[in-house]
Amino acid sequence: MKKCNLEIKKNITGITPEAMKLLEEYDWHGNIRELENVIEKIVVMADEENIRVEHLPLNIRNALPVVNIPWTNEELRKLKNQAKKEAIKDVERLFVIKALKKSNWNITKAADAVGMKRQNLQALVRKYQVSKN
């Protein structure tokens, strides 16, 4: 960016965290020239001191995040188990929040409504640090 600032006589001083995240997650295939060209275009087009997401090319803004594809069956199994655990956590947390909201945040009523022991629902509330606020 410094090099482009000097060549183009601009004063781009930074980049927003959101824009940086997209640049870091983009699959450059090790192509440093592509990255340099994108930075140069961004510096030319930017009308502010900081580069924002809006300054990035559409192909970078719309790119899917890079995912590490497993190479072995064991890696695939581990990835699937991890994904299942994360999905279960998300669903359980949303389940607890929904039950509590529908019962006006009364744990006993929420547990009865969903057919759970109060202690088990309370454990999930603690596990996921669910609070009314």
Protein backbone atom coordinates (compact mmCIF):
# COMPACT_ATOMS: atom_id res chain seq x y z
CA MET A 1 0.00 0.00 0.00
CA LYS A 2 2.88 2.36 0.79
CA LYS A 3 4.35 1.73 -2.66
CA CYS A 4 1.01 2.52 -4.33
CA ASN A 5 0.57 5.64 -2.20
CA LEU A 6 3.92 6.96 -3.42
CA GLU A 7 3.32 6.07 -7.08
CA ILE A 8 -0.22 7.44 -7.19
CA LYS A 9 0.37 10.28 -4.73
CA LYS A 10 -2.40 9.26 -2.35
CA ASN A 11 -2.47 8.94 1.41
CA ILE A 12 -4.32 5.72 2.20
CA THR A 13 -3.37 5.06 5.81
CA GLY A 14 -5.32 1.97 6.77
CA ILE A 15 -7.87 -0.70 6.09
CA THR A 16 -10.99 -1.58 8.03
CA PRO A 17 -10.98 -4.93 9.84
CA GLU A 18 -13.84 -6.17 7.65
CA ALA A 19 -11.96 -5.40 4.43
CA MET A 20 -8.76 -6.94 5.81
CA LYS A 21 -10.65 -10.12 6.73
CA LEU A 22 -11.98 -10.47 3.17
CA LEU A 23 -8.52 -9.94 1.69
CA GLU A 24 -7.01 -12.49 4.08
CA GLU A 25 -9.71 -15.09 3.38
CA TYR A 26 -9.62 -14.71 -0.40
CA ASP A 27 -7.95 -17.60 -2.21
CA TRP A 28 -5.03 -15.91 -3.98
CA HIS A 29 -3.51 -19.24 -5.12
CA GLY A 30 -0.12 -17.84 -4.10
CA ASN A 31 -0.44 -15.16 -6.78
CA ILE A 32 1.28 -12.08 -5.33
CA ARG A 33 0.84 -10.15 -8.59
CA GLU A 34 -2.93 -10.50 -8.38
CA LEU A 35 -2.84 -9.16 -4.82
CA GLU A 36 -0.58 -6.25 -5.85
CA ASN A 37 -2.89 -5.38 -8.77
CA VAL A 38 -5.95 -5.43 -6.52
CA ILE A 39 -4.24 -3.21 -3.92
CA GLU A 40 -3.20 -0.76 -6.65
CA LYS A 41 -6.75 -0.55 -8.03
CA ILE A 42 -8.16 -0.08 -4.54
CA VAL A 43 -5.74 2.75 -3.78
CA VAL A 44 -6.61 4.45 -7.08
CA MET A 45 -10.36 4.15 -6.45
CA ALA A 46 -10.41 4.92 -2.72
CA ASP A 47 -11.65 8.38 -1.88
CA GLU A 48 -10.86 8.18 1.83
CA GLU A 49 -7.89 7.46 4.08
CA ASN A 50 -9.11 3.95 4.95
CA ILE A 51 -9.91 1.13 2.57
CA ARG A 52 -13.39 -0.24 3.21
CA VAL A 53 -15.24 -3.32 1.97
CA GLU A 54 -16.98 -1.21 -0.68
CA HIS A 55 -13.59 -0.47 -2.28
CA LEU A 56 -12.87 -4.18 -2.85
CA PRO A 57 -13.66 -5.81 -6.20
CA LEU A 58 -16.91 -7.80 -6.35
CA ASN A 59 -15.13 -11.12 -6.86
CA ILE A 60 -13.41 -10.65 -3.48
CA ARG A 61 -16.52 -9.36 -1.70
CA ASN A 62 -18.58 -12.30 -2.98
CA ALA A 63 -15.95 -15.03 -2.53
CA LEU A 64 -16.77 -18.00 -0.37
CA PRO A 65 -14.53 -18.45 2.66
CA VAL A 66 -11.63 -20.82 2.19
CA VAL A 67 -12.27 -24.19 3.82
CA ASN A 68 -9.59 -26.74 4.55
CA ILE A 69 -10.66 -29.78 2.58
CA PRO A 70 -9.69 -33.01 4.33
CA TRP A 71 -7.13 -35.20 2.61
CA THR A 72 -7.72 -38.50 4.42
CA ASN A 73 -10.78 -40.37 5.60
CA GLU A 74 -9.66 -39.78 9.21
CA GLU A 75 -9.47 -36.02 8.62
CA LEU A 76 -12.92 -36.13 7.02
CA ARG A 77 -14.34 -38.03 10.01
CA LYS A 78 -12.86 -35.51 12.46
CA LEU A 79 -14.17 -32.56 10.43
CA LYS A 80 -17.66 -34.07 10.28
CA ASN A 81 -17.69 -34.72 14.04
CA GLN A 82 -16.53 -31.17 14.72
CA ALA A 83 -19.22 -29.76 12.40
CA LYS A 84 -21.90 -31.86 14.12
CA LYS A 85 -20.81 -30.66 17.55
CA GLU A 86 -20.89 -27.02 16.43
CA ALA A 87 -24.32 -27.45 14.83
CA ILE A 88 -25.68 -29.09 17.99
CA LYS A 89 -24.34 -26.24 20.12
CA ASP A 90 -26.03 -23.67 17.89
CA VAL A 91 -29.36 -25.52 17.89
CA GLU A 92 -29.29 -26.16 21.65
CA ARG A 93 -28.56 -22.52 22.41
CA LEU A 94 -31.37 -21.30 20.15
CA PHE A 95 -33.70 -23.94 21.65
CA VAL A 96 -33.00 -22.63 25.17
CA ILE A 97 -33.49 -19.00 24.15
CA LYS A 98 -36.77 -19.76 22.37
CA ALA A 99 -38.12 -21.76 25.33
CA LEU A 100 -37.21 -19.00 27.77
CA LYS A 101 -38.65 -16.22 25.62
CA LYS A 102 -41.95 -18.09 25.19
CA SER A 103 -42.19 -18.55 28.98
CA ASN A 104 -41.21 -14.97 29.81
CA TRP A 105 -37.79 -16.16 31.02
CA ASN A 106 -39.26 -18.42 33.72
CA ILE A 107 -37.04 -21.52 33.73
CA THR A 108 -39.59 -23.78 35.46
CA LYS A 109 -42.33 -22.88 32.96
CA ALA A 110 -39.93 -23.19 30.03
CA ALA A 111 -38.78 -26.64 31.18
CA ASP A 112 -42.39 -27.81 31.56
CA ALA A 113 -43.31 -26.43 28.13
CA VAL A 114 -40.52 -28.32 26.36
CA GLY A 115 -40.80 -31.49 28.44
CA MET A 116 -37.48 -31.18 30.23
CA LYS A 117 -36.39 -31.32 33.84
CA ARG A 118 -35.78 -27.84 35.22
CA GLN A 119 -32.25 -28.83 36.26
CA ASN A 120 -31.39 -29.95 32.73
CA LEU A 121 -32.65 -26.72 31.21
CA GLN A 122 -30.79 -24.75 33.88
CA ALA A 123 -27.60 -26.64 32.96
CA LEU A 124 -28.03 -25.65 29.30
CA VAL A 125 -28.62 -22.02 30.32
CA ARG A 126 -25.32 -22.06 32.22
CA LYS A 127 -23.48 -24.00 29.49
CA TYR A 128 -24.39 -21.44 26.82
CA GLN A 129 -24.36 -18.45 29.17
CA VAL A 130 -27.88 -17.47 28.12
CA SER A 131 -29.28 -14.40 29.83
CA LYS A 132 -32.25 -12.14 29.31
CA ASN A 133 -29.96 -9.24 28.50
